Amino acid sequence: MIEDKQTDFEKITDFKNLYAAYKKSKCGKGFSKSSIKFQVSALDGIHQIKRRLETKTYQVSPYHQFTIYEPKERIIKACSFKDKIVQHSLCDNVLLPVLNNEFIQTNYAGQIGKGTLYGLDC
């Protein structure tokens, strides 16, 4: 399928995009239990996510809640590893391309290539 002709849903469920989202999701995860469990059979896991999205049977898992104490006490709610893959696929392939054109030039938050140093340089 020609990438420009894909619907937003097809962009999210495209195996290549899901695999890229998987690689992005595992960066910085270290040896977290959910990340390692998924990596054991990553290709099969990506195919399952793709199939569930396409058949509209995908369900978001409950959030994992924990408390951290540095620099102050905070309650963190984290999504599952498979949900993070879907989230990256959605954001990277649908939301960011649309929203990048809507941001003002001096908005540096959460944009690829426009981090703290880019903002300071401007």
PDB file of N, CA and C in Angstrom:
ATOM      1  N   MET A   1       0.844  -1.178   0.000  1.00  0.00           N
ATOM      2  CA  MET A   1       0.000   0.000   0.000  1.00  0.00           C
ATOM      3  C   MET A   1       0.891   1.243   0.000  1.00  0.00           C
ATOM      4  N   ILE A   2       0.575   2.212  -0.802  1.00  0.00           N
ATOM      5  CA  ILE A   2       1.347   3.449  -0.873  1.00  0.00           C
ATOM      6  C   ILE A   2       1.101   4.230   0.416  1.00  0.00           C
ATOM      7  N   GLU A   3       2.191   4.635   1.045  1.00  0.00           N
ATOM      8  CA  GLU A   3       2.116   5.255   2.363  1.00  0.00           C
ATOM      9  C   GLU A   3       1.256   6.519   2.365  1.00  0.00           C
ATOM     10  N   ASP A   4       1.318   7.337   1.319  1.00  0.00           N
ATOM     11  CA  ASP A   4       0.546   8.577   1.272  1.00  0.00           C
ATOM     12  C   ASP A   4      -0.948   8.308   1.191  1.00  0.00           C
ATOM     13  N   LYS A   5      -1.333   7.166   0.694  1.00  0.00           N
ATOM     14  CA  LYS A   5      -2.744   6.834   0.511  1.00  0.00           C
ATOM     15  C   LYS A   5      -3.328   6.097   1.718  1.00  0.00           C
ATOM     16  N   GLN A   6      -2.512   5.841   2.725  1.00  0.00           N
ATOM     17  CA  GLN A   6      -2.994   5.133   3.902  1.00  0.00           C
ATOM     18  C   GLN A   6      -3.900   6.027   4.733  1.00  0.00           C
ATOM     19  N   THR A   7      -4.937   5.417   5.289  1.00  0.00           N
ATOM     20  CA  THR A   7      -5.758   6.144   6.243  1.00  0.00           C
ATOM     21  C   THR A   7      -4.976   6.245   7.549  1.00  0.00           C
ATOM     22  N   ASP A   8      -5.428   7.086   8.457  1.00  0.00           N
ATOM     23  CA  ASP A   8      -4.760   7.212   9.747  1.00  0.00           C
ATOM     24  C   ASP A   8      -4.742   5.874  10.475  1.00  0.00           C
ATOM     25  N   PHE A   9      -5.838   5.146  10.410  1.00  0.00           N
ATOM     26  CA  PHE A   9      -5.900   3.842  11.075  1.00  0.00           C
ATOM     27  C   PHE A   9      -4.908   2.863  10.462  1.00  0.00           C
ATOM     28  N   GLU A  10      -4.776   2.880   9.153  1.00  0.00           N
ATOM     29  CA  GLU A  10      -3.816   1.998   8.476  1.00  0.00           C
ATOM     30  C   GLU A  10      -2.381   2.368   8.836  1.00  0.00           C
ATOM     31  N   LYS A  11      -2.121   3.658   9.054  1.00  0.00           N
ATOM     32  CA  LYS A  11      -0.785   4.075   9.478  1.00  0.00           C
ATOM     33  C   LYS A  11      -0.468   3.527  10.863  1.00  0.00           C
ATOM     34  N   ILE A  12      -1.451   3.549  11.749  1.00  0.00           N
ATOM     35  CA  ILE A  12      -1.251   3.046  13.110  1.00  0.00           C
ATOM     36  C   ILE A  12      -1.020   1.543  13.099  1.00  0.00           C
ATOM     37  N   THR A  13      -1.762   0.814  12.279  1.00  0.00           N
ATOM     38  CA  THR A  13      -1.702  -0.652  12.282  1.00  0.00           C
ATOM     39  C   THR A  13      -0.675  -1.227  11.317  1.00  0.00           C
ATOM     40  N   ASP A  14       0.013  -0.402  10.562  1.00  0.00           N
ATOM     41  CA  ASP A  14       1.040  -0.870   9.648  1.00  0.00           C
ATOM     42  C   ASP A  14       2.150  -1.569  10.446  1.00  0.00           C
ATOM     43  N   PHE A  15       2.542  -2.774  10.029  1.00  0.00           N
ATOM     44  CA  PHE A  15       3.524  -3.543  10.793  1.00  0.00           C
ATOM     45  C   PHE A  15       4.841  -2.794  10.942  1.00  0.00           C
ATOM     46  N   LYS A  16       5.289  -2.158   9.877  1.00  0.00           N
ATOM     47  CA  LYS A  16       6.552  -1.406   9.918  1.00  0.00           C
ATOM     48  C   LYS A  16       6.466  -0.292  10.972  1.00  0.00           C
ATOM     49  N   ASN A  17       5.346   0.401  11.019  1.00  0.00           N
ATOM     50  CA  ASN A  17       5.171   1.469  11.999  1.00  0.00           C
ATOM     51  C   ASN A  17       5.066   0.924  13.418  1.00  0.00           C
ATOM     52  N   LEU A  18       4.388  -0.207  13.580  1.00  0.00           N
ATOM     53  CA  LEU A  18       4.285  -0.832  14.905  1.00  0.00           C
ATOM     54  C   LEU A  18       5.654  -1.321  15.374  1.00  0.00           C
ATOM     55  N   TYR A  19       6.453  -1.851  14.445  1.00  0.00           N
ATOM     56  CA  TYR A  19       7.789  -2.315  14.816  1.00  0.00           C
ATOM     57  C   TYR A  19       8.673  -1.138  15.231  1.00  0.00           C
ATOM     58  N   ALA A  20       8.595  -0.035  14.493  1.00  0.00           N
ATOM     59  CA  ALA A  20       9.358   1.167  14.862  1.00  0.00           C
ATOM     60  C   ALA A  20       8.900   1.681  16.228  1.00  0.00           C
ATOM     61  N   ALA A  21       7.602   1.614  16.481  1.00  0.00           N
ATOM     62  CA  ALA A  21       7.060   2.042  17.778  1.00  0.00           C
ATOM     63  C   ALA A  21       7.550   1.112  18.888  1.00  0.00           C
ATOM     64  N   TYR A  22       7.660  -0.180  18.594  1.00  0.00           N
ATOM     65  CA  TYR A  22       8.189  -1.151  19.560  1.00  0.00           C
ATOM     66  C   TYR A  22       9.633  -0.792  19.915  1.00  0.00           C
ATOM     67  N   LYS A  23      10.453  -0.530  18.885  1.00  0.00           N
ATOM     68  CA  LYS A  23      11.863  -0.193  19.140  1.00  0.00           C
ATOM     69  C   LYS A  23      11.969   1.091  19.960  1.00  0.00           C
ATOM     70  N   LYS A  24      11.122   2.055  19.672  1.00  0.00           N
ATOM     71  CA  LYS A  24      11.134   3.308  20.417  1.00  0.00           C
ATOM     72  C   LYS A  24      10.668   3.079  21.858  1.00  0.00           C
ATOM     73  N   SER A  25       9.694   2.200  22.043  1.00  0.00           N
ATOM     74  CA  SER A  25       9.145   1.920  23.378  1.00  0.00           C
ATOM     75  C   SER A  25      10.158   1.243  24.288  1.00  0.00           C
ATOM     76  N   LYS A  26      11.005   0.402  23.724  1.00  0.00           N
ATOM     77  CA  LYS A  26      11.954  -0.315  24.567  1.00  0.00           C
ATOM     78  C   LYS A  26      13.185   0.509  24.916  1.00  0.00           C
ATOM     79  N   CYS A  27      13.406   1.630  24.221  1.00  0.00           N
ATOM     80  CA  CYS A  27      14.531   2.511  24.546  1.00  0.00           C
ATOM     81  C   CYS A  27      14.336   3.105  25.935  1.00  0.00           C
ATOM     82  N   GLY A  28      15.361   2.997  26.745  1.00  0.00           N
ATOM     83  CA  GLY A  28      15.304   3.574  28.077  1.00  0.00           C
ATOM     84  C   GLY A  28      14.532   2.754  29.083  1.00  0.00           C
ATOM     85  N   LYS A  29      14.015   1.607  28.684  1.00  0.00           N
ATOM     86  CA  LYS A  29      13.249   0.766  29.593  1.00  0.00           C
ATOM     87  C   LYS A  29      14.152  -0.083  30.476  1.00  0.00           C
ATOM     88  N   GLY A  30      15.394  -0.258  30.053  1.00  0.00           N
ATOM     89  CA  GLY A  30      16.295  -1.100  30.824  1.00  0.00           C
ATOM     90  C   GLY A  30      15.799  -2.532  30.840  1.00  0.00           C
ATOM     91  N   PHE A  31      15.730  -3.088  32.037  1.00  0.00           N
ATOM     92  CA  PHE A  31      15.314  -4.481  32.174  1.00  0.00           C
ATOM     93  C   PHE A  31      13.979  -4.578  32.891  1.00  0.00           C
ATOM     94  N   SER A  32      13.021  -3.741  32.502  1.00  0.00           N
ATOM     95  CA  SER A  32      11.706  -3.818  33.132  1.00  0.00           C
ATOM     96  C   SER A  32      11.043  -5.151  32.763  1.00  0.00           C
ATOM     97  N   LYS A  33      10.290  -5.671  33.685  1.00  0.00           N
ATOM     98  CA  LYS A  33       9.677  -6.989  33.528  1.00  0.00           C
ATOM     99  C   LYS A  33       8.774  -7.057  32.286  1.00  0.00           C
ATOM    100  N   SER A  34       7.941  -6.037  32.082  1.00  0.00           N
ATOM    101  CA  SER A  34       7.015  -6.065  30.952  1.00  0.00           C
ATOM    102  C   SER A  34       7.751  -5.945  29.620  1.00  0.00           C
ATOM    103  N   SER A  35       8.817  -5.146  29.596  1.00  0.00           N
ATOM    104  CA  SER A  35       9.600  -4.975  28.380  1.00  0.00           C
ATOM    105  C   SER A  35      10.289  -6.281  27.998  1.00  0.00           C
ATOM    106  N   ILE A  36      10.917  -6.926  28.950  1.00  0.00           N
ATOM    107  CA  ILE A  36      11.626  -8.190  28.682  1.00  0.00           C
ATOM    108  C   ILE A  36      10.650  -9.276  28.263  1.00  0.00           C
ATOM    109  N   LYS A  37       9.513  -9.345  28.931  1.00  0.00           N
ATOM    110  CA  LYS A  37       8.500 -10.354  28.596  1.00  0.00           C
ATOM    111  C   LYS A  37       8.036 -10.185  27.149  1.00  0.00           C
ATOM    112  N   PHE A  38       7.830  -8.952  26.718  1.00  0.00           N
ATOM    113  CA  PHE A  38       7.390  -8.705  25.351  1.00  0.00           C
ATOM    114  C   PHE A  38       8.498  -9.008  24.359  1.00  0.00           C
ATOM    115  N   GLN A  39       9.750  -8.670  24.699  1.00  0.00           N
ATOM    116  CA  GLN A  39      10.871  -8.848  23.779  1.00  0.00           C
ATOM    117  C   GLN A  39      11.153 -10.306  23.449  1.00  0.00           C
ATOM    118  N   VAL A  40      10.775 -11.219  24.338  1.00  0.00           N
ATOM    119  CA  VAL A  40      11.015 -12.644  24.107  1.00  0.00           C
ATOM    120  C   VAL A  40      10.344 -13.094  22.811  1.00  0.00           C
ATOM    121  N   SER A  41       9.158 -12.596  22.549  1.00  0.00           N
ATOM    122  CA  SER A  41       8.452 -12.949  21.313  1.00  0.00           C
ATOM    123  C   SER A  41       7.897 -11.681  20.671  1.00  0.00           C
ATOM    124  N   ALA A  42       8.774 -10.720  20.420  1.00  0.00           N
ATOM    125  CA  ALA A  42       8.369  -9.389  19.956  1.00  0.00           C
ATOM    126  C   ALA A  42       7.603  -9.419  18.636  1.00  0.00           C
ATOM    127  N   LEU A  43       8.096 -10.149  17.647  1.00  0.00           N
ATOM    128  CA  LEU A  43       7.418 -10.154  16.348  1.00  0.00           C
ATOM    129  C   LEU A  43       6.011 -10.718  16.463  1.00  0.00           C
ATOM    130  N   ASP A  44       5.871 -11.798  17.227  1.00  0.00           N
ATOM    131  CA  ASP A  44       4.542 -12.367  17.444  1.00  0.00           C
ATOM    132  C   ASP A  44       3.666 -11.368  18.205  1.00  0.00           C
ATOM    133  N   GLY A  45       4.238 -10.708  19.193  1.00  0.00           N
ATOM    134  CA  GLY A  45       3.489  -9.719  19.968  1.00  0.00           C
ATOM    135  C   GLY A  45       3.010  -8.562  19.108  1.00  0.00           C
ATOM    136  N   ILE A  46       3.852  -8.109  18.193  1.00  0.00           N
ATOM    137  CA  ILE A  46       3.465  -7.022  17.292  1.00  0.00           C
ATOM    138  C   ILE A  46       2.352  -7.487  16.360  1.00  0.00           C
ATOM    139  N   HIS A  47       2.463  -8.723  15.866  1.00  0.00           N
ATOM    140  CA  HIS A  47       1.394  -9.268  15.010  1.00  0.00           C
ATOM    141  C   HIS A  47       0.077  -9.357  15.784  1.00  0.00           C
ATOM    142  N   GLN A  48       0.140  -9.744  17.046  1.00  0.00           N
ATOM    143  CA  GLN A  48      -1.083  -9.811  17.857  1.00  0.00           C
ATOM    144  C   GLN A  48      -1.700  -8.430  18.057  1.00  0.00           C
ATOM    145  N   ILE A  49      -0.857  -7.445  18.343  1.00  0.00           N
ATOM    146  CA  ILE A  49      -1.368  -6.076  18.493  1.00  0.00           C
ATOM    147  C   ILE A  49      -2.030  -5.631  17.189  1.00  0.00           C
ATOM    148  N   LYS A  50      -1.352  -5.872  16.070  1.00  0.00           N
ATOM    149  CA  LYS A  50      -1.882  -5.498  14.753  1.00  0.00           C
ATOM    150  C   LYS A  50      -3.232  -6.168  14.500  1.00  0.00           C
ATOM    151  N   ARG A  51      -3.312  -7.459  14.763  1.00  0.00           N
ATOM    152  CA  ARG A  51      -4.559  -8.197  14.532  1.00  0.00           C
ATOM    153  C   ARG A  51      -5.690  -7.678  15.420  1.00  0.00           C
ATOM    154  N   ARG A  52      -5.374  -7.428  16.694  1.00  0.00           N
ATOM    155  CA  ARG A  52      -6.413  -6.936  17.613  1.00  0.00           C
ATOM    156  C   ARG A  52      -6.886  -5.535  17.236  1.00  0.00           C
ATOM    157  N   LEU A  53      -5.967  -4.693  16.782  1.00  0.00           N
ATOM    158  CA  LEU A  53      -6.381  -3.355  16.331  1.00  0.00           C
ATOM    159  C   LEU A  53      -7.271  -3.466  15.096  1.00  0.00           C
ATOM    160  N   GLU A  54      -6.864  -4.291  14.136  1.00  0.00           N
ATOM    161  CA  GLU A  54      -7.622  -4.424  12.889  1.00  0.00           C
ATOM    162  C   GLU A  54      -8.990  -5.056  13.096  1.00  0.00           C
ATOM    163  N   THR A  55      -9.096  -5.971  14.057  1.00  0.00           N
ATOM    164  CA  THR A  55     -10.384  -6.611  14.325  1.00  0.00           C
ATOM    165  C   THR A  55     -11.179  -5.862  15.396  1.00  0.00           C
ATOM    166  N   LYS A  56     -10.611  -4.741  15.840  1.00  0.00           N
ATOM    167  CA  LYS A  56     -11.242  -3.886  16.845  1.00  0.00           C
ATOM    168  C   LYS A  56     -11.526  -4.619  18.156  1.00  0.00           C
ATOM    169  N   THR A  57     -10.600  -5.540  18.519  1.00  0.00           N
ATOM    170  CA  THR A  57     -10.704  -6.259  19.788  1.00  0.00           C
ATOM    171  C   THR A  57      -9.615  -5.838  20.764  1.00  0.00           C
ATOM    172  N   TYR A  58      -8.816  -4.843  20.398  1.00  0.00           N
ATOM    173  CA  TYR A  58      -7.738  -4.364  21.266  1.00  0.00           C
ATOM    174  C   TYR A  58      -8.339  -3.639  22.466  1.00  0.00           C
ATOM    175  N   GLN A  59      -7.836  -3.956  23.643  1.00  0.00           N
ATOM    176  CA  GLN A  59      -8.280  -3.278  24.854  1.00  0.00           C
ATOM    177  C   GLN A  59      -7.064  -2.751  25.604  1.00  0.00           C
ATOM    178  N   VAL A  60      -7.193  -1.529  26.084  1.00  0.00           N
ATOM    179  CA  VAL A  60      -6.121  -0.916  26.860  1.00  0.00           C
ATOM    180  C   VAL A  60      -6.064  -1.610  28.215  1.00  0.00           C
ATOM    181  N   SER A  61      -4.866  -1.950  28.646  1.00  0.00           N
ATOM    182  CA  SER A  61      -4.667  -2.616  29.944  1.00  0.00           C
ATOM    183  C   SER A  61      -4.801  -1.603  31.072  1.00  0.00           C
ATOM    184  N   PRO A  62      -5.091  -2.090  32.280  1.00  0.00           N
ATOM    185  CA  PRO A  62      -5.122  -1.170  33.426  1.00  0.00           C
ATOM    186  C   PRO A  62      -3.740  -0.566  33.658  1.00  0.00           C
ATOM    187  N   TYR A  63      -3.715   0.639  34.178  1.00  0.00           N
ATOM    188  CA  TYR A  63      -2.452   1.306  34.467  1.00  0.00           C
ATOM    189  C   TYR A  63      -1.802   0.705  35.703  1.00  0.00           C
ATOM    190  N   HIS A  64      -0.471   0.661  35.680  1.00  0.00           N
ATOM    191  CA  HIS A  64       0.307   0.213  36.832  1.00  0.00           C
ATOM    192  C   HIS A  64       0.626   1.446  37.667  1.00  0.00           C
ATOM    193  N   GLN A  65       0.220   1.437  38.942  1.00  0.00           N
ATOM    194  CA  GLN A  65       0.434   2.596  39.804  1.00  0.00           C
ATOM    195  C   GLN A  65       1.534   2.299  40.813  1.00  0.00           C
ATOM    196  N   PHE A  66       2.439   3.273  40.979  1.00  0.00           N
ATOM    197  CA  PHE A  66       3.499   3.143  41.974  1.00  0.00           C
ATOM    198  C   PHE A  66       3.890   4.539  42.447  1.00  0.00           C
ATOM    199  N   THR A  67       4.625   4.592  43.539  1.00  0.00           N
ATOM    200  CA  THR A  67       5.034   5.860  44.128  1.00  0.00           C
ATOM    201  C   THR A  67       6.543   6.005  44.022  1.00  0.00           C
ATOM    202  N   ILE A  68       6.985   7.203  43.642  1.00  0.00           N
ATOM    203  CA  ILE A  68       8.411   7.517  43.686  1.00  0.00           C
ATOM    204  C   ILE A  68       8.608   8.633  44.703  1.00  0.00           C
ATOM    205  N   TYR A  69       9.827   8.755  45.197  1.00  0.00           N
ATOM    206  CA  TYR A  69      10.096   9.710  46.274  1.00  0.00           C
ATOM    207  C   TYR A  69      11.181  10.720  45.927  1.00  0.00           C
ATOM    208  N   GLU A  70      11.671  10.724  44.696  1.00  0.00           N
ATOM    209  CA  GLU A  70      12.711  11.672  44.287  1.00  0.00           C
ATOM    210  C   GLU A  70      12.189  12.510  43.143  1.00  0.00           C
ATOM    211  N   PRO A  71      12.273  13.774  43.099  1.00  0.00           N
ATOM    212  CA  PRO A  71      12.774  14.634  44.160  1.00  0.00           C
ATOM    213  C   PRO A  71      11.749  14.845  45.273  1.00  0.00           C
ATOM    214  N   LYS A  72      10.499  14.482  45.016  1.00  0.00           N
ATOM    215  CA  LYS A  72       9.469  14.553  46.054  1.00  0.00           C
ATOM    216  C   LYS A  72       8.534  13.371  45.833  1.00  0.00           C
ATOM    217  N   GLU A  73       7.662  13.112  46.782  1.00  0.00           N
ATOM    218  CA  GLU A  73       6.740  11.984  46.650  1.00  0.00           C
ATOM    219  C   GLU A  73       5.719  12.276  45.548  1.00  0.00           C
ATOM    220  N   ARG A  74       5.631  11.321  44.607  1.00  0.00           N
ATOM    221  CA  ARG A  74       4.656  11.442  43.519  1.00  0.00           C
ATOM    222  C   ARG A  74       4.075  10.076  43.202  1.00  0.00           C
ATOM    223  N   ILE A  75       2.826  10.050  42.837  1.00  0.00           N
ATOM    224  CA  ILE A  75       2.182   8.821  42.387  1.00  0.00           C
ATOM    225  C   ILE A  75       2.284   8.783  40.868  1.00  0.00           C
ATOM    226  N   ILE A  76       2.796   7.688  40.343  1.00  0.00           N
ATOM    227  CA  ILE A  76       2.974   7.506  38.908  1.00  0.00           C
ATOM    228  C   ILE A  76       1.999   6.431  38.431  1.00  0.00           C
ATOM    229  N   LYS A  77       1.357   6.696  37.313  1.00  0.00           N
ATOM    230  CA  LYS A  77       0.495   5.697  36.670  1.00  0.00           C
ATOM    231  C   LYS A  77       1.068   5.457  35.282  1.00  0.00           C
ATOM    232  N   ALA A  78       1.507   4.230  35.051  1.00  0.00           N
ATOM    233  CA  ALA A  78       2.183   3.893  33.794  1.00  0.00           C
ATOM    234  C   ALA A  78       1.356   2.883  32.999  1.00  0.00           C
ATOM    235  N   CYS A  79       1.337   3.082  31.686  1.00  0.00           N
ATOM    236  CA  CYS A  79       0.615   2.133  30.842  1.00  0.00           C
ATOM    237  C   CYS A  79       1.481   0.899  30.589  1.00  0.00           C
ATOM    238  N   SER A  80       0.857  -0.160  30.126  1.00  0.00           N
ATOM    239  CA  SER A  80       1.579  -1.398  29.850  1.00  0.00           C
ATOM    240  C   SER A  80       2.492  -1.198  28.640  1.00  0.00           C
ATOM    241  N   PHE A  81       3.420  -2.119  28.470  1.00  0.00           N
ATOM    242  CA  PHE A  81       4.377  -2.010  27.372  1.00  0.00           C
ATOM    243  C   PHE A  81       3.670  -2.072  26.020  1.00  0.00           C
ATOM    244  N   LYS A  82       2.699  -2.957  25.868  1.00  0.00           N
ATOM    245  CA  LYS A  82       1.991  -3.066  24.584  1.00  0.00           C
ATOM    246  C   LYS A  82       1.175  -1.809  24.297  1.00  0.00           C
ATOM    247  N   ASP A  83       0.618  -1.199  25.342  1.00  0.00           N
ATOM    248  CA  ASP A  83      -0.119   0.049  25.152  1.00  0.00           C
ATOM    249  C   ASP A  83       0.819   1.175  24.740  1.00  0.00           C
ATOM    250  N   LYS A  84       2.048   1.152  25.255  1.00  0.00           N
ATOM    251  CA  LYS A  84       3.035   2.158  24.894  1.00  0.00           C
ATOM    252  C   LYS A  84       3.389   2.041  23.406  1.00  0.00           C
ATOM    253  N   ILE A  85       3.436   0.821  22.881  1.00  0.00           N
ATOM    254  CA  ILE A  85       3.707   0.607  21.459  1.00  0.00           C
ATOM    255  C   ILE A  85       2.599   1.234  20.616  1.00  0.00           C
ATOM    256  N   VAL A  86       1.359   0.977  20.984  1.00  0.00           N
ATOM    257  CA  VAL A  86       0.216   1.541  20.247  1.00  0.00           C
ATOM    258  C   VAL A  86       0.228   3.068  20.359  1.00  0.00           C
ATOM    259  N   GLN A  87       0.543   3.570  21.551  1.00  0.00           N
ATOM    260  CA  GLN A  87       0.602   5.006  21.775  1.00  0.00           C
ATOM    261  C   GLN A  87       1.667   5.661  20.887  1.00  0.00           C
ATOM    262  N   HIS A  88       2.843   5.059  20.808  1.00  0.00           N
ATOM    263  CA  HIS A  88       3.907   5.597  19.946  1.00  0.00           C
ATOM    264  C   HIS A  88       3.492   5.564  18.477  1.00  0.00           C
ATOM    265  N   SER A  89       2.861   4.478  18.054  1.00  0.00           N
ATOM    266  CA  SER A  89       2.429   4.371  16.661  1.00  0.00           C
ATOM    267  C   SER A  89       1.407   5.462  16.334  1.00  0.00           C
ATOM    268  N   LEU A  90       0.464   5.673  17.230  1.00  0.00           N
ATOM    269  CA  LEU A  90      -0.547   6.718  17.026  1.00  0.00           C
ATOM    270  C   LEU A  90       0.092   8.108  16.985  1.00  0.00           C
ATOM    271  N   CYS A  91       0.912   8.404  17.974  1.00  0.00           N
ATOM    272  CA  CYS A  91       1.504   9.746  18.069  1.00  0.00           C
ATOM    273  C   CYS A  91       2.474  10.031  16.929  1.00  0.00           C
ATOM    274  N   ASP A  92       3.370   9.085  16.640  1.00  0.00           N
ATOM    275  CA  ASP A  92       4.415   9.312  15.635  1.00  0.00           C
ATOM    276  C   ASP A  92       3.886   9.346  14.204  1.00  0.00           C
ATOM    277  N   ASN A  93       2.842   8.568  13.916  1.00  0.00           N
ATOM    278  CA  ASN A  93       2.385   8.421  12.540  1.00  0.00           C
ATOM    279  C   ASN A  93       1.131   9.210  12.195  1.00  0.00           C
ATOM    280  N   VAL A  94       0.390   9.667  13.209  1.00  0.00           N
ATOM    281  CA  VAL A  94      -0.848  10.392  12.934  1.00  0.00           C
ATOM    282  C   VAL A  94      -0.842  11.772  13.596  1.00  0.00           C
ATOM    283  N   LEU A  95      -0.661  11.812  14.905  1.00  0.00           N
ATOM    284  CA  LEU A  95      -0.807  13.077  15.623  1.00  0.00           C
ATOM    285  C   LEU A  95       0.309  14.077  15.329  1.00  0.00           C
ATOM    286  N   LEU A  96       1.568  13.660  15.467  1.00  0.00           N
ATOM    287  CA  LEU A  96       2.677  14.604  15.263  1.00  0.00           C
ATOM    288  C   LEU A  96       2.718  15.206  13.857  1.00  0.00           C
ATOM    289  N   PRO A  97       2.536  14.416  12.785  1.00  0.00           N
ATOM    290  CA  PRO A  97       2.559  15.037  11.453  1.00  0.00           C
ATOM    291  C   PRO A  97       1.462  16.102  11.283  1.00  0.00           C
ATOM    292  N   VAL A  98       0.319  15.903  11.897  1.00  0.00           N
ATOM    293  CA  VAL A  98      -0.760  16.878  11.789  1.00  0.00           C
ATOM    294  C   VAL A  98      -0.484  18.088  12.680  1.00  0.00           C
ATOM    295  N   LEU A  99      -0.079  17.836  13.914  1.00  0.00           N
ATOM    296  CA  LEU A  99       0.098  18.915  14.881  1.00  0.00           C
ATOM    297  C   LEU A  99       1.339  19.760  14.622  1.00  0.00           C
ATOM    298  N   ASN A 100       2.383  19.199  14.024  1.00  0.00           N
ATOM    299  CA  ASN A 100       3.603  19.971  13.752  1.00  0.00           C
ATOM    300  C   ASN A 100       3.311  21.224  12.932  1.00  0.00           C
ATOM    301  N   ASN A 101       2.368  21.129  12.027  1.00  0.00           N
ATOM    302  CA  ASN A 101       2.017  22.284  11.197  1.00  0.00           C
ATOM    303  C   ASN A 101       1.187  23.310  11.969  1.00  0.00           C
ATOM    304  N   GLU A 102       0.629  22.909  13.094  1.00  0.00           N
ATOM    305  CA  GLU A 102      -0.222  23.799  13.881  1.00  0.00           C
ATOM    306  C   GLU A 102       0.539  24.538  14.980  1.00  0.00           C
ATOM    307  N   PHE A 103       1.697  24.015  15.389  1.00  0.00           N
ATOM    308  CA  PHE A 103       2.466  24.645  16.461  1.00  0.00           C
ATOM    309  C   PHE A 103       3.070  25.962  15.981  1.00  0.00           C
ATOM    310  N   ILE A 104       3.161  26.916  16.897  1.00  0.00           N
ATOM    311  CA  ILE A 104       3.839  28.157  16.559  1.00  0.00           C
ATOM    312  C   ILE A 104       5.336  27.895  16.502  1.00  0.00           C
ATOM    313  N   GLN A 105       6.062  28.742  15.814  1.00  0.00           N
ATOM    314  CA  GLN A 105       7.493  28.545  15.581  1.00  0.00           C
ATOM    315  C   GLN A 105       8.297  28.437  16.871  1.00  0.00           C
ATOM    316  N   THR A 106       7.885  29.157  17.908  1.00  0.00           N
ATOM    317  CA  THR A 106       8.661  29.183  19.147  1.00  0.00           C
ATOM    318  C   THR A 106       8.164  28.194  20.191  1.00  0.00           C
ATOM    319  N   ASN A 107       7.386  27.198  19.781  1.00  0.00           N
ATOM    320  CA  ASN A 107       6.967  26.139  20.695  1.00  0.00           C
ATOM    321  C   ASN A 107       8.000  25.017  20.621  1.00  0.00           C
ATOM    322  N   TYR A 108       8.695  24.750  21.720  1.00  0.00           N
ATOM    323  CA  TYR A 108       9.770  23.755  21.712  1.00  0.00           C
ATOM    324  C   TYR A 108       9.408  22.493  22.478  1.00  0.00           C
ATOM    325  N   ALA A 109       8.262  22.480  23.104  1.00  0.00           N
ATOM    326  CA  ALA A 109       7.890  21.366  23.977  1.00  0.00           C
ATOM    327  C   ALA A 109       7.455  20.138  23.184  1.00  0.00           C
ATOM    328  N   GLY A 110       8.069  19.009  23.489  1.00  0.00           N
ATOM    329  CA  GLY A 110       7.638  17.725  22.945  1.00  0.00           C
ATOM    330  C   GLY A 110       7.777  17.566  21.446  1.00  0.00           C
ATOM    331  N   GLN A 111       8.610  18.339  20.801  1.00  0.00           N
ATOM    332  CA  GLN A 111       8.783  18.208  19.363  1.00  0.00           C
ATOM    333  C   GLN A 111      10.173  17.656  19.053  1.00  0.00           C
ATOM    334  N   ILE A 112      10.227  16.751  18.123  1.00  0.00           N
ATOM    335  CA  ILE A 112      11.500  16.146  17.730  1.00  0.00           C
ATOM    336  C   ILE A 112      12.395  17.228  17.142  1.00  0.00           C
ATOM    337  N   GLY A 113      13.617  17.300  17.663  1.00  0.00           N
ATOM    338  CA  GLY A 113      14.578  18.274  17.185  1.00  0.00           C
ATOM    339  C   GLY A 113      14.408  19.665  17.767  1.00  0.00           C
ATOM    340  N   LYS A 114      13.437  19.839  18.650  1.00  0.00           N
ATOM    341  CA  LYS A 114      13.204  21.155  19.261  1.00  0.00           C
ATOM    342  C   LYS A 114      13.204  21.016  20.773  1.00  0.00           C
ATOM    343  N   GLY A 115      14.314  20.611  21.318  1.00  0.00           N
ATOM    344  CA  GLY A 115      14.429  20.436  22.765  1.00  0.00           C
ATOM    345  C   GLY A 115      14.920  21.685  23.464  1.00  0.00           C
ATOM    346  N   THR A 116      15.396  21.502  24.656  1.00  0.00           N
ATOM    347  CA  THR A 116      15.858  22.601  25.506  1.00  0.00           C
ATOM    348  C   THR A 116      16.989  23.391  24.843  1.00  0.00           C
ATOM    349  N   LEU A 117      17.961  22.688  24.294  1.00  0.00           N
ATOM    350  CA  LEU A 117      19.111  23.371  23.675  1.00  0.00           C
ATOM    351  C   LEU A 117      18.688  24.176  22.448  1.00  0.00           C
ATOM    352  N   TYR A 118      17.770  23.643  21.664  1.00  0.00           N
ATOM    353  CA  TYR A 118      17.266  24.362  20.500  1.00  0.00           C
ATOM    354  C   TYR A 118      16.575  25.647  20.944  1.00  0.00           C
ATOM    355  N   GLY A 119      15.785  25.554  21.996  1.00  0.00           N
ATOM    356  CA  GLY A 119      15.098  26.726  22.536  1.00  0.00           C
ATOM    357  C   GLY A 119      16.067  27.769  23.058  1.00  0.00           C
ATOM    358  N   LEU A 120      17.108  27.322  23.743  1.00  0.00           N
ATOM    359  CA  LEU A 120      18.119  28.253  24.266  1.00  0.00           C
ATOM    360  C   LEU A 120      18.878  28.937  23.124  1.00  0.00           C
ATOM    361  N   ASP A 121      19.172  28.178  22.083  1.00  0.00           N
ATOM    362  CA  ASP A 121      19.882  28.755  20.946  1.00  0.00           C
ATOM    363  C   ASP A 121      19.055  29.833  20.232  1.00  0.00           C
ATOM    364  N   CYS A 122      17.753  29.629  20.207  1.00  0.00           N
ATOM    365  CA  CYS A 122      16.881  30.626  19.550  1.00  0.00           C
ATOM    366  C   CYS A 122      16.786  31.882  20.384  1.00  0.00           C
TER     367      CYS A 122
END
